[in-house]
N, C-alpha and C. Protein backbone atom coordinates (compact mmCIF):
# COMPACT_ATOMS: atom_id res chain seq x y z
N MET A 1 61.96 8.08 4.29
CA MET A 1 61.17 7.35 3.52
C MET A 1 61.92 7.50 2.04
N SER A 2 62.53 8.47 1.59
CA SER A 2 63.21 8.47 0.47
C SER A 2 64.20 7.39 0.95
N ALA A 3 65.45 7.05 1.56
CA ALA A 3 65.81 6.19 1.48
C ALA A 3 65.28 4.74 1.35
N PHE A 4 64.42 4.74 2.02
CA PHE A 4 63.50 3.09 2.27
C PHE A 4 63.33 3.22 0.25
N ASP A 5 63.00 3.97 0.09
CA ASP A 5 62.64 4.03 -1.73
C ASP A 5 63.57 3.86 -2.85
N ALA A 6 64.89 4.34 -2.33
CA ALA A 6 66.22 4.24 -2.61
C ALA A 6 66.27 2.51 -2.91
N ALA A 7 66.21 2.63 -1.45
CA ALA A 7 66.87 0.83 -1.23
C ALA A 7 66.24 -0.09 -2.25
N LEU A 8 64.51 0.52 -2.22
CA LEU A 8 63.43 -0.72 -2.97
C LEU A 8 64.19 -0.74 -4.70
N ARG A 9 64.17 0.67 -4.71
CA ARG A 9 64.72 1.08 -6.30
C ARG A 9 65.96 -0.09 -6.82
N GLU A 10 66.85 0.34 -5.78
CA GLU A 10 67.82 -0.78 -6.30
C GLU A 10 67.78 -1.78 -6.42
N LEU A 11 66.70 -2.86 -5.49
CA LEU A 11 66.59 -3.92 -5.40
C LEU A 11 66.00 -4.31 -6.64
N GLY A 12 64.87 -3.17 -7.51
CA GLY A 12 64.15 -3.77 -8.75
C GLY A 12 62.72 -3.56 -8.08
N VAL A 13 62.36 -3.13 -6.81
CA VAL A 13 60.71 -3.49 -6.20
C VAL A 13 60.30 -2.42 -5.81
N GLY A 14 61.10 -0.87 -6.52
CA GLY A 14 60.12 0.37 -6.38
C GLY A 14 58.90 0.78 -6.81
N ASP A 15 58.77 0.12 -7.41
CA ASP A 15 57.53 0.29 -8.44
C ASP A 15 55.95 -0.12 -7.85
N ALA A 16 56.50 -1.07 -7.00
CA ALA A 16 55.59 -2.41 -6.06
C ALA A 16 54.80 -1.82 -4.78
N ASN A 17 53.92 -2.60 -4.60
CA ASN A 17 53.36 -2.12 -3.35
C ASN A 17 53.40 -3.51 -2.38
N LEU A 18 54.10 -3.46 -1.27
CA LEU A 18 54.85 -4.26 -0.88
C LEU A 18 53.25 -4.68 0.18
N ILE A 19 53.55 -6.57 0.10
CA ILE A 19 52.41 -6.97 1.34
C ILE A 19 53.41 -7.66 1.98
N ARG A 20 53.66 -7.36 3.58
CA ARG A 20 54.84 -8.06 4.46
C ARG A 20 54.11 -9.31 5.01
N LEU A 21 55.02 -10.34 4.38
CA LEU A 21 54.34 -11.67 5.38
C LEU A 21 55.24 -11.83 6.38
N SER A 22 54.72 -12.68 7.30
CA SER A 22 55.31 -13.46 8.49
C SER A 22 56.33 -14.37 7.92
N SER A 23 56.29 -15.36 8.75
CA SER A 23 57.71 -16.30 9.09
C SER A 23 57.63 -17.40 8.37
N VAL A 24 56.30 -17.74 8.06
CA VAL A 24 56.84 -19.31 7.78
C VAL A 24 56.61 -19.55 5.61
N ILE A 25 57.42 -20.20 5.60
CA ILE A 25 57.81 -20.59 3.90
C ILE A 25 56.98 -21.68 3.91
N PRO A 26 56.37 -21.55 2.54
CA PRO A 26 54.91 -22.61 2.19
C PRO A 26 56.05 -23.84 1.52
N PRO A 27 54.93 -24.69 1.68
CA PRO A 27 55.79 -26.21 0.84
C PRO A 27 56.19 -25.58 -0.41
N ARG A 28 57.29 -26.18 -1.14
CA ARG A 28 57.21 -26.03 -2.32
C ARG A 28 57.79 -24.97 -3.23
N ALA A 29 58.56 -23.81 -1.88
CA ALA A 29 59.03 -23.02 -2.19
C ALA A 29 60.86 -22.79 -2.28
N THR A 30 60.73 -22.13 -3.55
CA THR A 30 62.42 -22.29 -4.03
C THR A 30 63.33 -20.97 -3.47
N LEU A 31 64.29 -21.19 -2.76
CA LEU A 31 64.97 -19.55 -2.95
C LEU A 31 66.65 -19.98 -3.39
N GLU A 32 66.11 -18.38 -4.13
CA GLU A 32 67.33 -17.70 -5.03
C GLU A 32 68.12 -16.83 -4.08
N ARG A 33 69.06 -16.74 -4.24
CA ARG A 33 69.93 -15.17 -3.81
C ARG A 33 69.94 -14.87 -5.22
N THR A 34 70.29 -13.45 -4.97
CA THR A 34 69.82 -12.42 -6.45
C THR A 34 70.17 -10.99 -5.75
N ALA A 35 70.84 -10.14 -6.54
CA ALA A 35 71.07 -9.05 -5.98
C ALA A 35 70.07 -7.62 -6.54
N ARG A 36 68.96 -8.32 -7.04
CA ARG A 36 67.77 -7.71 -7.72
C ARG A 36 66.78 -8.77 -7.62
N VAL A 37 65.65 -8.35 -8.04
CA VAL A 37 64.73 -8.88 -8.40
C VAL A 37 64.54 -8.78 -10.04
N ARG A 38 64.45 -10.11 -10.76
CA ARG A 38 64.67 -10.70 -12.02
C ARG A 38 64.19 -10.23 -12.53
N LYS A 39 62.90 -10.27 -12.56
CA LYS A 39 61.44 -10.08 -13.46
C LYS A 39 60.76 -8.35 -13.18
N PRO A 40 60.68 -7.40 -14.13
CA PRO A 40 60.05 -5.97 -13.91
C PRO A 40 58.90 -6.63 -13.21
N ILE A 41 58.50 -5.93 -11.84
CA ILE A 41 57.02 -5.15 -11.62
C ILE A 41 56.43 -4.59 -12.07
N PRO A 42 55.02 -4.83 -12.65
CA PRO A 42 54.30 -3.63 -13.06
C PRO A 42 53.73 -2.63 -12.38
N TRP A 43 53.81 -1.60 -12.83
CA TRP A 43 53.76 -0.25 -11.98
C TRP A 43 52.67 -0.59 -11.35
N GLY A 44 52.25 -0.57 -9.48
CA GLY A 44 51.62 -0.62 -8.39
C GLY A 44 51.01 -1.98 -8.21
N ASP A 45 51.94 -3.15 -8.64
CA ASP A 45 51.51 -4.53 -8.13
C ASP A 45 51.82 -4.87 -6.98
N ARG A 46 50.88 -5.78 -6.49
CA ARG A 46 50.93 -5.96 -5.15
C ARG A 46 52.52 -7.08 -5.57
N LEU A 47 53.74 -7.24 -4.40
CA LEU A 47 54.25 -7.92 -3.75
C LEU A 47 54.65 -8.60 -2.43
N TYR A 48 54.12 -9.80 -2.65
CA TYR A 48 54.05 -10.28 -1.68
C TYR A 48 55.92 -10.72 -1.06
N CYS A 49 55.96 -10.45 0.04
CA CYS A 49 57.60 -10.51 0.26
C CYS A 49 57.81 -10.12 2.35
N VAL A 50 58.60 -10.76 2.47
CA VAL A 50 59.44 -10.59 3.93
C VAL A 50 60.71 -9.71 3.92
N TYR A 51 60.48 -8.92 4.29
CA TYR A 51 62.03 -8.22 4.41
C TYR A 51 62.25 -7.18 6.09
N ALA A 52 63.61 -6.80 5.93
CA ALA A 52 64.31 -6.01 7.04
C ALA A 52 64.40 -4.92 6.63
N ALA A 53 64.18 -3.89 7.43
CA ALA A 53 64.87 -2.63 6.81
C ALA A 53 65.49 -1.91 7.82
N GLN A 54 66.30 -1.16 7.87
CA GLN A 54 66.88 0.02 9.24
C GLN A 54 67.27 0.79 8.78
N HIS A 55 67.94 1.84 9.39
CA HIS A 55 68.10 3.19 8.52
C HIS A 55 69.18 3.70 9.66
N ALA A 56 69.99 4.31 9.41
CA ALA A 56 70.86 5.16 9.92
C ALA A 56 70.47 6.90 9.06
N LEU A 57 70.83 7.68 10.22
CA LEU A 57 70.24 8.69 9.54
C LEU A 57 71.43 9.99 9.81
N GLU A 58 71.88 9.77 10.73
CA GLU A 58 73.50 10.89 11.07
C GLU A 58 74.41 10.32 9.72
N PRO A 59 75.64 10.90 9.55
CA PRO A 59 76.68 10.72 8.67
C PRO A 59 77.51 9.71 9.99
N GLY A 60 78.19 8.92 9.35
CA GLY A 60 78.69 8.15 10.51
C GLY A 60 77.95 6.68 10.81
N GLN A 61 77.15 7.40 11.08
CA GLN A 61 75.77 5.82 11.70
C GLN A 61 76.47 4.96 10.57
N THR A 62 75.80 3.56 11.04
CA THR A 62 75.56 2.26 10.24
C THR A 62 74.01 1.98 10.62
N ALA A 63 73.99 1.33 9.76
CA ALA A 63 72.42 0.45 9.77
C ALA A 63 72.53 -0.84 9.16
N ALA A 64 72.21 -1.96 9.68
CA ALA A 64 72.55 -3.81 9.19
C ALA A 64 70.83 -4.35 9.63
N ALA A 65 70.46 -4.92 8.22
CA ALA A 65 69.55 -5.50 8.24
C ALA A 65 69.26 -6.90 7.61
N GLY A 66 69.22 -7.94 7.80
CA GLY A 66 68.67 -9.65 7.72
C GLY A 66 67.64 -10.13 7.63
N ILE A 67 67.90 -10.98 6.81
CA ILE A 67 66.89 -12.65 6.38
C ILE A 67 67.34 -13.11 6.73
N GLY A 68 67.31 -14.39 7.68
CA GLY A 68 67.44 -15.59 8.00
C GLY A 68 66.51 -16.92 7.60
N TRP A 69 66.84 -17.76 7.41
CA TRP A 69 65.68 -18.98 6.91
C TRP A 69 66.30 -20.50 7.78
N VAL A 70 65.43 -21.45 7.68
CA VAL A 70 65.57 -22.74 7.77
C VAL A 70 64.87 -23.52 7.21
N LEU A 71 65.04 -24.48 6.72
CA LEU A 71 64.15 -25.21 5.74
C LEU A 71 63.94 -26.75 6.64
N ARG A 72 62.70 -27.20 6.54
CA ARG A 72 62.43 -28.75 7.17
C ARG A 72 63.46 -29.66 6.31
N ASP A 73 64.11 -30.70 7.05
CA ASP A 73 64.26 -31.81 6.67
C ASP A 73 64.00 -32.62 5.81
N ASP A 74 62.96 -32.58 5.59
CA ASP A 74 61.65 -33.63 4.81
C ASP A 74 61.69 -32.95 3.04
N GLY A 75 62.87 -32.51 2.87
CA GLY A 75 62.80 -31.91 1.44
C GLY A 75 61.22 -31.24 1.12
N SER A 76 60.26 -30.86 1.65
CA SER A 76 59.33 -30.38 1.32
C SER A 76 59.93 -29.17 0.65
N GLY A 77 60.60 -28.13 1.21
CA GLY A 77 60.58 -26.83 0.66
C GLY A 77 60.59 -25.75 1.62
N ALA A 78 59.16 -26.32 2.54
CA ALA A 78 58.90 -25.34 3.80
C ALA A 78 59.85 -25.54 4.77
N GLY A 79 59.89 -23.97 5.82
CA GLY A 79 60.62 -23.75 6.46
C GLY A 79 60.19 -22.37 7.52
N LEU A 80 61.06 -21.92 7.78
CA LEU A 80 60.93 -20.58 8.50
C LEU A 80 61.67 -19.34 8.29
N PHE A 81 60.59 -17.94 7.66
CA PHE A 81 61.78 -17.02 7.66
C PHE A 81 61.66 -15.92 9.27
N VAL A 82 62.99 -15.18 8.94
CA VAL A 82 63.01 -14.20 10.33
C VAL A 82 64.11 -13.32 9.42
N GLU A 83 63.72 -11.94 10.42
CA GLU A 83 63.93 -10.53 9.83
C GLU A 83 64.13 -9.92 11.13
N HIS A 84 65.57 -9.17 11.26
CA HIS A 84 66.23 -8.97 12.14
C HIS A 84 66.68 -7.29 11.43
N GLU A 85 66.25 -6.10 12.40
CA GLU A 85 67.40 -5.32 12.17
C GLU A 85 68.33 -4.76 13.17
N ALA A 86 69.47 -4.08 12.91
CA ALA A 86 70.11 -3.16 14.08
C ALA A 86 71.08 -2.33 13.65
N GLU A 87 72.62 -2.29 14.45
CA GLU A 87 73.37 -1.19 13.57
C GLU A 87 74.36 -1.49 13.41
N THR A 88 74.58 -3.12 13.42
CA THR A 88 75.58 -3.62 12.70
C THR A 88 75.11 -5.19 12.18
N THR A 89 76.16 -5.52 11.19
CA THR A 89 75.49 -7.09 10.70
C THR A 89 75.97 -8.15 12.13
N GLU A 90 77.04 -7.89 12.57
CA GLU A 90 77.43 -8.86 13.84
C GLU A 90 76.08 -9.20 14.46
N GLU A 91 75.39 -8.19 15.35
CA GLU A 91 74.11 -7.93 15.92
C GLU A 91 72.70 -8.48 15.08
N VAL A 92 72.62 -8.20 14.04
CA VAL A 92 71.71 -8.84 13.02
C VAL A 92 72.15 -10.37 13.40
N THR A 93 73.30 -10.76 12.71
CA THR A 93 73.27 -12.58 12.98
C THR A 93 73.42 -12.79 14.26
N THR A 94 73.66 -12.41 14.91
CA THR A 94 73.32 -13.05 16.55
C THR A 94 71.91 -13.18 16.61
N LEU A 95 70.75 -12.16 16.09
CA LEU A 95 69.91 -11.80 16.61
C LEU A 95 68.96 -12.90 15.40
N ILE A 96 69.40 -13.01 14.20
CA ILE A 96 68.77 -13.99 13.35
C ILE A 96 68.77 -15.48 13.75
N GLN A 97 69.82 -16.09 14.36
CA GLN A 97 70.54 -17.38 15.00
C GLN A 97 69.92 -17.61 15.64
N SER A 98 69.88 -16.11 17.16
CA SER A 98 68.87 -17.19 18.06
C SER A 98 67.58 -17.46 17.71
N SER A 99 67.20 -16.58 17.17
CA SER A 99 65.53 -16.60 16.87
C SER A 99 64.85 -17.64 16.04
N LEU A 100 65.75 -18.04 14.93
CA LEU A 100 65.67 -19.48 14.78
C LEU A 100 66.00 -19.94 14.91
N ASP A 101 66.84 -20.41 15.78
CA ASP A 101 67.00 -21.58 17.00
C ASP A 101 65.88 -21.69 17.51
N ASP A 102 65.25 -20.74 18.17
CA ASP A 102 64.27 -20.97 19.19
C ASP A 102 62.87 -21.57 18.36
N MET A 103 62.47 -20.65 17.21
CA MET A 103 61.53 -21.25 16.52
C MET A 103 61.35 -22.42 16.02
N ALA A 104 62.57 -22.75 15.31
CA ALA A 104 62.76 -24.57 15.50
C ALA A 104 62.42 -25.64 16.55
N ARG A 105 62.87 -24.91 17.52
CA ARG A 105 63.32 -25.84 18.84
C ARG A 105 61.94 -26.18 19.43
N HIS A 106 61.17 -25.09 19.05
CA HIS A 106 59.39 -25.44 19.80
C HIS A 106 58.54 -25.92 18.07
N ARG A 107 58.81 -26.51 17.82
CA ARG A 107 58.35 -27.25 16.62
C ARG A 107 58.57 -28.83 16.51
N PRO A 108 57.80 -29.55 16.07
CA PRO A 108 57.87 -30.84 16.09
C PRO A 108 58.79 -31.14 15.02
N GLU A 109 58.37 -30.73 13.99
CA GLU A 109 59.68 -30.84 12.61
C GLU A 109 61.29 -31.05 13.02
N SER A 110 62.26 -31.21 11.98
CA SER A 110 63.37 -31.04 12.10
C SER A 110 63.69 -30.31 10.91
N PHE A 111 64.82 -29.23 11.25
CA PHE A 111 65.10 -27.87 10.40
C PHE A 111 66.64 -28.13 10.59
N GLY A 112 67.19 -28.05 8.74
CA GLY A 112 68.24 -27.99 8.55
C GLY A 112 68.98 -26.78 8.98
N PRO A 113 70.34 -26.53 8.58
CA PRO A 113 71.17 -24.79 8.99
C PRO A 113 70.70 -24.10 9.04
N VAL A 114 71.09 -23.01 9.90
CA VAL A 114 70.54 -21.65 9.58
C VAL A 114 70.71 -20.88 8.38
N ARG A 115 70.34 -20.22 7.46
CA ARG A 115 71.19 -19.59 6.46
C ARG A 115 70.46 -18.22 6.44
N MET A 116 71.39 -17.29 5.96
CA MET A 116 70.92 -15.87 6.06
C MET A 116 71.26 -15.23 4.78
N CYS A 117 71.00 -13.39 4.49
CA CYS A 117 71.33 -12.67 3.55
C CYS A 117 71.53 -11.34 4.79
N THR A 118 72.56 -10.84 4.71
CA THR A 118 72.67 -9.90 5.46
C THR A 118 73.46 -8.62 4.52
N THR A 119 72.69 -7.24 5.19
CA THR A 119 73.88 -6.11 4.57
C THR A 119 74.02 -5.04 5.26
N GLU A 120 74.80 -4.03 5.14
CA GLU A 120 74.89 -3.15 6.25
C GLU A 120 74.86 -1.75 5.40
N ALA A 121 74.88 -0.92 5.68
CA ALA A 121 75.00 0.23 4.92
C ALA A 121 75.61 1.63 6.19
N ARG A 122 76.44 2.51 5.39
CA ARG A 122 77.02 3.71 6.27
C ARG A 122 76.62 5.14 5.85
N SER A 123 75.94 5.69 6.64
CA SER A 123 75.17 6.90 6.10
C SER A 123 76.65 8.08 5.97
N THR A 124 76.88 8.46 4.84
CA THR A 124 77.80 9.21 4.82
C THR A 124 77.38 10.52 4.58
N THR A 125 76.39 11.12 3.94
CA THR A 125 75.70 12.76 3.93
C THR A 125 74.88 12.59 4.55
N GLY A 126 73.84 11.48 5.02
CA GLY A 126 71.98 11.69 5.84
C GLY A 126 71.53 10.50 5.26
N PRO A 127 70.53 10.54 5.17
CA PRO A 127 69.65 8.78 5.89
C PRO A 127 70.29 8.18 4.48
N THR A 128 70.08 6.87 5.13
CA THR A 128 70.38 5.47 4.42
C THR A 128 69.21 4.29 4.66
N CYS A 129 69.17 3.70 4.36
CA CYS A 129 68.53 2.10 4.26
C CYS A 129 69.35 1.04 4.11
N ALA A 130 69.49 0.11 4.83
CA ALA A 130 69.85 -1.30 4.64
C ALA A 130 68.57 -2.08 4.56
N LEU A 131 68.42 -2.84 3.40
CA LEU A 131 67.44 -3.38 3.07
C LEU A 131 67.67 -4.86 2.69
N VAL A 132 67.23 -5.90 2.97
CA VAL A 132 67.31 -7.25 2.17
C VAL A 132 65.56 -7.57 2.16
N LEU A 133 65.57 -8.06 1.35
CA LEU A 133 63.79 -8.30 0.91
C LEU A 133 63.93 -9.63 0.59
N ALA A 134 63.20 -10.57 0.30
CA ALA A 134 62.74 -11.78 0.14
C ALA A 134 61.39 -11.77 -0.86
N ALA A 135 61.36 -12.24 -2.31
CA ALA A 135 60.21 -11.60 -2.74
C ALA A 135 59.32 -13.35 -2.75
N TYR A 136 58.24 -13.23 -2.85
CA TYR A 136 57.86 -14.20 -3.17
C TYR A 136 56.85 -14.15 -4.73
N ARG A 137 55.79 -13.62 -4.67
CA ARG A 137 55.51 -13.43 -5.90
C ARG A 137 54.48 -11.76 -6.35
N THR A 138 54.12 -11.54 -7.46
CA THR A 138 53.44 -10.33 -7.44
C THR A 138 52.13 -10.93 -8.07
N ALA A 139 51.25 -9.79 -8.12
CA ALA A 139 49.70 -9.90 -8.46
C ALA A 139 49.09 -8.84 -8.76
N PRO A 140 48.57 -8.28 -9.72
CA PRO A 140 47.81 -7.37 -10.02
C PRO A 140 46.60 -7.20 -9.28
N TRP A 141 46.00 -6.21 -9.59
CA TRP A 141 45.26 -5.86 -8.16
C TRP A 141 43.75 -6.27 -9.06
N GLY A 142 43.49 -6.37 -9.89
CA GLY A 142 42.07 -7.17 -10.78
C GLY A 142 41.02 -6.55 -11.19
N TRP A 143 41.19 -5.17 -10.98
CA TRP A 143 40.09 -4.59 -11.60
C TRP A 143 40.53 -3.69 -12.64
N ARG A 144 39.67 -3.67 -13.56
CA ARG A 144 39.68 -2.99 -15.18
C ARG A 144 39.44 -1.58 -15.14
N GLY A 145 39.79 -0.78 -16.18
CA GLY A 145 39.47 0.22 -16.44
C GLY A 145 37.91 0.53 -17.18
């Protein structure tokens, strides 16, 4: 769990409560690749997100994670996400491509090319976590003190 927490902190979301979403990208969404979430998240706020996380426990083991997406060809910004974990980036890439090809094929809409973001981590001395996260938005809890 501490390896997952370290990966979250590295991405700038370690103080958020994650609300994991499924595979549908809403219309008018914009996708930007960044190394970290750019805006600070207030302590404990909800972060709506899609993520893939894989752990390597023993020294020398690898962990790979990735998120892939396709956008509809209609310019709406709507699309599909998929997240996969495996031991290597090559395995994750194959899983993402296969899943999105299948998901798009079974819908009436037309989709653009598969895009993805992957990472791989190697354990050197103990547990490590490969994490890729797509953040939608944050929201406070709404109660007052």
